[in-house]
Amino acid sequence: MAMGIGRRQFISALGGAAVAWPLAARAQQPTLPVVGYLELYSEGIAPTQVEAFRNGLRETGYVEGRNVVIEFRWADGQYDRYPALAADLVRLRAAVIFATGPVGVRALKAATATIPIVFSMGEDPVAEGIVPSLNRPGGNVTGFTEFGNQLVAKRLGLLMAAVPQAHVLAVLANPTHPNAASEIKDAQTAADAGGRELRVLTASSEGGLEAAFAAMTQQRVGALIVLTDPFLVGRREQIVGLAARNAIPAIYDRREWPADGGLMSFSAVVVQTFHQAGIYVGRILKGGKPADMPVQQSTKFEFVLNLTTAKALGIEMPPSLLAIADEVIE
């Protein structure tokens, strides 16, 4: 009888151990490192950039869901959301955080002085006070710059070459963008150098866009440059449609615009920057220090023309522009 009780106790104990062992094994499994991804735009606006970032991570041996977790936070173009989103990623104890734009990086720097931060921005990170030096960023921050705010004059020059008869130019800006004033100043300097008048029109709502294009027609604007801004990018379809409806040739900041029917664009190859950022994040996950990783500058740029749109606007592109175009959409 005693033996029978002992057998039952043994079997019961064995069953309990069988349940406990898997639980213990799971508890001992290492937690996957978390990579934060803090983006100014809305989810879905630039999927190729997100995929380029993932590809960069893969090159260093990190695959989302297998040995790393990516926590995305989207600001939806609202700069005031950055502090809360940055604090959220810090609370998650992210191993590294990737961020776009100086406003996002400042929010992260205010939230943590220890978690490594990798950025991608169009601005000069030294002038913005993000890092003290490109070669020796120091601290917990490094990344990539496109110097996109310095490309405004180049875009305006291409626009004037495409539409030489346009003596009145316009710049469309969102006045709430932190760099709107400086980019407008760059556009004004380039317009003055080219002997053109420049009209500044602003919009931060869909109704404001309609009003801005109505003003362009009234002021007989011959060509337009659209500045970089998440609100404007998010209304890409509307802006391209308004430019076509009002027969206003325009140049934009990313190839997605002419791909969607805009006339042309000139920019750094942004997907390359995001790909490199993914590699930097992977290197940091392997033990690299941001202070030892220099801030890199974009070296590859692309000029994209949409000839179908040019024909619809009655524009015959000069051979000189066609010769330097990296991509011609027909």
Protein backbone atom coordinates (compact mmCIF):
# COMPACT_ATOMS: atom_id res chain seq x y z
CA MET A 1 0.00 0.00 0.00
CA ALA A 2 2.81 2.35 0.98
CA MET A 3 4.55 1.47 -2.29
CA GLY A 4 1.43 2.40 -4.26
CA ILE A 5 1.22 5.78 -2.59
CA GLY A 6 4.87 6.35 -3.27
CA ARG A 7 4.40 5.52 -6.96
CA ARG A 8 1.52 8.00 -7.27
CA GLN A 9 3.52 10.67 -5.52
CA PHE A 10 6.46 10.02 -7.83
CA ILE A 11 4.30 10.24 -10.96
CA SER A 12 2.64 13.40 -9.67
CA ALA A 13 6.01 14.96 -8.94
CA LEU A 14 7.28 13.95 -12.38
CA GLY A 15 4.27 15.57 -14.06
CA GLY A 16 4.82 18.78 -12.12
CA ALA A 17 8.43 18.86 -13.18
CA ALA A 18 7.44 18.37 -16.81
CA VAL A 19 5.30 21.49 -16.56
CA ALA A 20 7.92 23.45 -14.62
CA TRP A 21 10.86 22.67 -16.94
CA PRO A 22 9.39 24.33 -20.07
CA LEU A 23 8.37 27.35 -18.00
CA ALA A 24 11.85 27.62 -16.57
CA ALA A 25 13.37 27.19 -20.02
CA ARG A 26 11.19 29.94 -21.41
CA ALA A 27 12.09 32.20 -18.51
CA GLN A 28 15.78 31.65 -19.22
CA GLN A 29 15.48 32.50 -22.92
CA PRO A 30 17.15 35.84 -23.68
CA THR A 31 14.83 38.78 -24.39
CA LEU A 32 15.15 40.08 -27.95
CA PRO A 33 16.77 43.51 -28.20
CA VAL A 34 14.35 46.33 -29.01
CA VAL A 35 15.14 48.90 -31.72
CA GLY A 36 13.08 52.07 -31.54
CA TYR A 37 12.03 53.76 -34.79
CA LEU A 38 10.82 57.35 -34.33
CA GLU A 39 9.47 58.87 -37.54
CA LEU A 40 8.01 62.31 -38.22
CA TYR A 41 5.77 61.08 -41.03
CA SER A 42 2.67 58.92 -40.82
CA GLU A 43 2.78 55.16 -41.17
CA GLY A 44 2.64 54.04 -44.79
CA ILE A 45 3.90 57.29 -46.37
CA ALA A 46 7.40 55.98 -47.15
CA PRO A 47 7.39 52.15 -47.06
CA THR A 48 10.55 51.90 -49.20
CA GLN A 49 12.50 53.77 -46.53
CA VAL A 50 11.31 51.43 -43.77
CA GLU A 51 12.25 48.41 -45.88
CA ALA A 52 15.68 49.92 -46.62
CA PHE A 53 16.22 50.28 -42.86
CA ARG A 54 15.23 46.63 -42.32
CA ASN A 55 17.62 45.58 -45.09
CA GLY A 56 20.46 47.41 -43.39
CA LEU A 57 19.72 45.56 -40.17
CA ARG A 58 19.65 42.24 -42.07
CA GLU A 59 23.10 42.93 -43.47
CA THR A 60 24.43 42.98 -39.92
CA GLY A 61 22.61 39.78 -39.00
CA TYR A 62 19.44 41.15 -37.41
CA VAL A 63 16.04 40.08 -38.71
CA GLU A 64 12.88 41.60 -37.31
CA GLY A 65 10.88 39.05 -35.32
CA ARG A 66 13.74 36.54 -35.25
CA ASN A 67 16.48 38.15 -33.19
CA VAL A 68 15.37 41.79 -32.90
CA VAL A 69 12.12 43.68 -32.30
CA ILE A 70 11.39 47.03 -34.00
CA GLU A 71 9.03 49.35 -32.13
CA PHE A 72 7.65 51.98 -34.51
CA ARG A 73 6.38 55.35 -33.33
CA TRP A 74 4.84 57.74 -35.87
CA ALA A 75 4.44 61.46 -35.15
CA ASP A 76 1.99 61.95 -38.06
CA GLY A 77 3.66 65.25 -38.91
CA GLN A 78 2.94 66.71 -35.47
CA TYR A 79 6.14 67.95 -33.88
CA ASP A 80 4.52 68.33 -30.45
CA ARG A 81 4.06 64.54 -30.30
CA TYR A 82 7.79 63.88 -30.31
CA PRO A 83 8.48 64.22 -26.54
CA ALA A 84 5.82 61.66 -25.55
CA LEU A 85 6.84 59.22 -28.28
CA ALA A 86 10.52 59.56 -27.34
CA ALA A 87 9.73 58.98 -23.65
CA ASP A 88 7.71 55.90 -24.59
CA LEU A 89 10.66 54.33 -26.43
CA VAL A 90 12.94 55.09 -23.51
CA ARG A 91 10.49 53.40 -21.12
CA LEU A 92 10.65 50.31 -23.33
CA ARG A 93 14.40 50.23 -22.69
CA ALA A 94 15.21 50.19 -26.38
CA ALA A 95 18.76 49.09 -27.10
CA VAL A 96 19.09 51.65 -29.93
CA ILE A 97 16.68 54.27 -31.28
CA PHE A 98 16.57 55.51 -34.88
CA ALA A 99 15.01 58.92 -35.46
CA THR A 100 14.39 61.29 -38.37
CA GLY A 101 14.88 65.04 -38.20
CA PRO A 102 16.49 67.30 -35.59
CA VAL A 103 13.27 67.82 -33.62
CA GLY A 104 12.96 64.09 -33.01
CA VAL A 105 16.62 63.75 -32.03
CA ARG A 106 16.35 66.65 -29.58
CA ALA A 107 13.32 64.99 -27.98
CA LEU A 108 15.31 61.77 -27.58
CA LYS A 109 18.37 63.57 -26.21
CA ALA A 110 16.12 65.20 -23.61
CA ALA A 111 14.72 61.78 -22.68
CA THR A 112 17.99 59.81 -22.47
CA ALA A 113 21.70 60.43 -22.31
CA THR A 114 22.63 56.74 -22.45
CA ILE A 115 20.56 54.92 -25.11
CA PRO A 116 22.37 55.11 -28.48
CA ILE A 117 20.60 57.27 -31.08
CA VAL A 118 21.07 57.00 -34.85
CA PHE A 119 19.52 59.75 -36.98
CA SER A 120 18.72 60.61 -40.56
CA MET A 121 18.12 64.28 -41.33
CA GLY A 122 18.27 66.77 -44.15
CA GLU A 123 19.72 69.46 -41.92
CA ASP A 124 23.32 70.11 -40.85
CA PRO A 125 23.56 68.27 -37.49
CA VAL A 126 26.42 70.48 -36.30
CA ALA A 127 24.56 73.71 -37.07
CA GLU A 128 21.48 72.22 -35.41
CA GLY A 129 23.46 71.50 -32.25
CA ILE A 130 22.89 67.73 -32.50
CA VAL A 131 26.59 66.78 -32.54
CA PRO A 132 29.71 68.88 -32.00
CA SER A 133 31.51 67.41 -35.01
CA LEU A 134 30.77 65.14 -37.96
CA ASN A 135 33.98 63.14 -37.58
CA ARG A 136 33.79 62.95 -33.78
CA PRO A 137 30.13 63.10 -32.77
CA GLY A 138 30.84 62.03 -29.18
CA GLY A 139 28.13 61.13 -26.70
CA ASN A 140 25.32 58.75 -27.63
CA VAL A 141 24.29 60.23 -31.00
CA THR A 142 25.46 59.65 -34.57
CA GLY A 143 23.83 59.23 -37.98
CA PHE A 144 23.45 60.51 -41.51
CA THR A 145 22.73 63.86 -43.10
CA GLU A 146 21.45 64.60 -46.56
CA PHE A 147 22.05 68.35 -46.21
CA GLY A 148 18.64 68.59 -47.88
CA ASN A 149 18.12 72.16 -46.74
CA GLN A 150 21.11 73.12 -48.91
CA LEU A 151 19.45 71.66 -52.02
CA VAL A 152 16.78 74.36 -52.34
CA ALA A 153 18.99 76.55 -54.54
CA LYS A 154 19.87 73.55 -56.74
CA ARG A 155 16.17 72.70 -57.20
CA LEU A 156 15.32 76.27 -58.10
CA GLY A 157 18.15 76.31 -60.65
CA LEU A 158 16.80 73.15 -62.32
CA LEU A 159 13.30 74.64 -62.34
CA MET A 160 14.50 77.83 -64.02
CA ALA A 161 16.36 75.76 -66.62
CA ALA A 162 13.22 73.72 -67.36
CA VAL A 163 10.93 76.76 -67.56
CA PRO A 164 13.19 79.65 -68.63
CA GLN A 165 10.22 81.83 -69.59
CA ALA A 166 8.85 81.81 -66.03
CA HIS A 167 9.76 85.15 -64.49
CA VAL A 168 7.52 84.83 -61.44
CA LEU A 169 8.28 81.83 -59.24
CA ALA A 170 6.54 80.63 -56.11
CA VAL A 171 7.63 78.67 -53.07
CA LEU A 172 5.06 76.59 -51.19
CA ALA A 173 5.86 76.06 -47.52
CA ASN A 174 4.24 74.93 -44.31
CA PRO A 175 4.89 77.85 -41.92
CA THR A 176 4.95 75.50 -38.90
CA HIS A 177 8.00 73.61 -40.23
CA PRO A 178 11.08 74.50 -38.14
CA ASN A 179 13.23 75.12 -41.24
CA ALA A 180 10.63 76.89 -43.38
CA ALA A 181 12.13 80.35 -42.86
CA SER A 182 15.69 79.30 -43.70
CA GLU A 183 14.62 77.37 -46.81
CA ILE A 184 12.52 80.32 -48.00
CA LYS A 185 15.58 82.53 -47.55
CA ASP A 186 17.66 80.11 -49.65
CA ALA A 187 14.98 80.13 -52.36
CA GLN A 188 14.87 83.93 -52.34
CA THR A 189 18.65 84.16 -52.74
CA ALA A 190 18.57 81.74 -55.68
CA ALA A 191 15.65 83.57 -57.32
CA ASP A 192 17.41 86.92 -56.96
CA ALA A 193 20.57 85.47 -58.50
CA GLY A 194 18.49 84.22 -61.44
CA GLY A 195 16.73 87.55 -61.91
CA ARG A 196 13.30 86.13 -60.99
CA GLU A 197 10.55 87.32 -58.69
CA LEU A 198 9.63 84.97 -55.86
CA ARG A 199 6.24 84.76 -54.19
CA VAL A 200 5.98 82.96 -50.86
CA LEU A 201 2.77 81.01 -50.29
CA THR A 202 2.05 78.98 -47.19
CA ALA A 203 -0.39 76.24 -46.24
CA SER A 204 -0.90 74.00 -43.23
CA SER A 205 -4.36 72.64 -44.12
CA GLU A 206 -6.09 71.18 -47.16
CA GLY A 207 -8.13 74.36 -47.55
CA GLY A 208 -4.93 76.34 -47.33
CA LEU A 209 -3.51 74.40 -50.26
CA GLU A 210 -6.52 75.27 -52.43
CA ALA A 211 -6.14 78.93 -51.49
CA ALA A 212 -2.40 78.89 -52.17
CA PHE A 213 -2.85 77.55 -55.71
CA ALA A 214 -5.66 80.03 -56.36
CA ALA A 215 -3.25 82.80 -55.35
CA MET A 216 -0.59 81.41 -57.70
CA THR A 217 -3.03 81.64 -60.60
CA GLN A 218 -4.00 85.20 -59.67
CA GLN A 219 -0.35 86.22 -59.38
CA ARG A 220 0.53 84.51 -62.68
CA VAL A 221 3.15 82.26 -61.16
CA GLY A 222 5.12 80.49 -63.88
CA ALA A 223 6.74 77.74 -61.80
CA LEU A 224 6.74 76.38 -58.26
CA ILE A 225 9.12 74.80 -55.74
CA VAL A 226 7.51 72.76 -52.96
CA LEU A 227 9.56 72.66 -49.77
CA THR A 228 10.20 69.60 -47.62
CA ASP A 229 7.53 69.09 -44.96
CA PRO A 230 5.54 66.10 -43.60
CA PHE A 231 2.20 67.87 -44.04
CA LEU A 232 2.97 68.63 -47.70
CA VAL A 233 4.32 65.11 -48.31
CA GLY A 234 1.15 63.69 -46.78
CA ARG A 235 -0.92 65.74 -49.25
CA ARG A 236 1.21 64.71 -52.23
CA GLU A 237 -1.71 63.55 -54.37
CA GLN A 238 -3.67 66.75 -53.74
CA ILE A 239 -0.69 69.01 -54.50
CA VAL A 240 0.25 67.17 -57.71
CA GLY A 241 -3.39 67.39 -58.79
CA LEU A 242 -3.60 71.12 -58.05
CA ALA A 243 -0.36 71.78 -59.95
CA ALA A 244 -1.74 69.89 -62.97
CA ARG A 245 -5.16 71.58 -62.78
CA ASN A 246 -3.59 75.04 -62.61
CA ALA A 247 -0.89 74.17 -65.19
CA ILE A 248 1.97 75.11 -62.87
CA PRO A 249 5.31 73.30 -63.40
CA ALA A 250 6.78 72.27 -60.05
CA ILE A 251 9.88 70.70 -58.57
CA TYR A 252 9.80 68.61 -55.40
CA ASP A 253 12.12 67.10 -52.82
CA ARG A 254 11.71 63.34 -53.40
CA ARG A 255 11.34 61.02 -56.38
CA GLU A 256 7.92 59.88 -55.10
CA TRP A 257 6.46 63.16 -56.38
CA PRO A 258 7.28 62.71 -60.10
CA ALA A 259 6.48 59.02 -59.71
CA ASP A 260 2.98 60.16 -58.73
CA GLY A 261 2.67 62.63 -61.62
CA GLY A 262 4.71 65.63 -60.48
CA LEU A 263 7.06 67.26 -62.99
CA MET A 264 10.45 66.65 -61.40
CA SER A 265 12.49 66.24 -58.23
CA PHE A 266 16.04 66.54 -57.00
CA SER A 267 17.18 64.94 -53.75
CA ALA A 268 19.60 62.69 -51.99
CA VAL A 269 18.85 59.00 -52.49
CA VAL A 270 16.96 58.71 -49.21
CA VAL A 271 16.57 54.93 -49.26
CA GLN A 272 20.37 54.66 -49.28
CA THR A 273 20.52 56.80 -46.13
CA PHE A 274 17.95 54.64 -44.34
CA HIS A 275 19.79 51.49 -45.43
CA GLN A 276 23.03 52.84 -43.97
CA ALA A 277 21.20 53.83 -40.79
CA GLY A 278 20.03 50.23 -40.41
CA ILE A 279 23.65 49.08 -40.71
CA TYR A 280 24.74 51.58 -38.04
CA VAL A 281 21.99 50.32 -35.70
CA GLY A 282 23.14 46.73 -36.28
CA ARG A 283 26.74 47.66 -35.52
CA ILE A 284 25.67 49.29 -32.26
CA LEU A 285 23.67 46.18 -31.30
CA LYS A 286 26.92 44.26 -31.75
CA GLY A 287 28.70 46.58 -29.34
CA GLY A 288 29.68 49.60 -31.44
CA LYS A 289 29.75 53.03 -29.78
CA PRO A 290 28.02 56.02 -31.43
CA ALA A 291 30.85 58.29 -30.25
CA ASP A 292 33.27 56.29 -32.44
CA MET A 293 31.02 56.24 -35.53
CA PRO A 294 31.32 59.44 -37.62
CA VAL A 295 28.27 61.19 -38.99
CA GLN A 296 28.17 60.46 -42.71
CA GLN A 297 26.98 62.72 -45.51
CA SER A 298 24.94 61.66 -48.51
CA THR A 299 27.07 61.26 -51.60
CA LYS A 300 24.44 60.08 -54.05
CA PHE A 301 21.73 62.34 -55.45
CA GLU A 302 19.06 61.82 -58.06
CA PHE A 303 17.30 64.06 -60.55
CA VAL A 304 14.00 62.61 -61.75
CA LEU A 305 11.89 63.92 -64.66
CA ASN A 306 8.36 62.99 -65.64
CA LEU A 307 8.15 63.58 -69.42
CA THR A 308 4.46 62.66 -69.54
CA THR A 309 3.72 65.53 -67.16
CA ALA A 310 6.05 67.84 -69.10
CA LYS A 311 4.14 67.14 -72.32
CA ALA A 312 0.81 67.73 -70.58
CA LEU A 313 2.12 71.12 -69.42
CA GLY A 314 3.45 71.96 -72.90
CA ILE A 315 7.07 71.93 -71.72
CA GLU A 316 9.84 70.70 -74.00
CA MET A 317 12.63 69.66 -71.68
CA PRO A 318 16.03 71.06 -72.73
CA PRO A 319 18.50 68.37 -73.86
CA SER A 320 20.88 69.57 -71.13
CA LEU A 321 18.39 68.51 -68.42
CA LEU A 322 17.56 65.22 -70.09
CA ALA A 323 21.26 64.44 -70.24
CA ILE A 324 21.76 64.79 -66.50
CA ALA A 325 18.51 63.11 -65.39
CA ASP A 326 19.03 59.94 -63.37
CA GLU A 327 15.54 58.73 -64.22
CA VAL A 328 13.08 59.78 -66.92
CA ILE A 329 9.47 58.70 -66.47
CA GLU A 330 7.52 58.37 -69.73
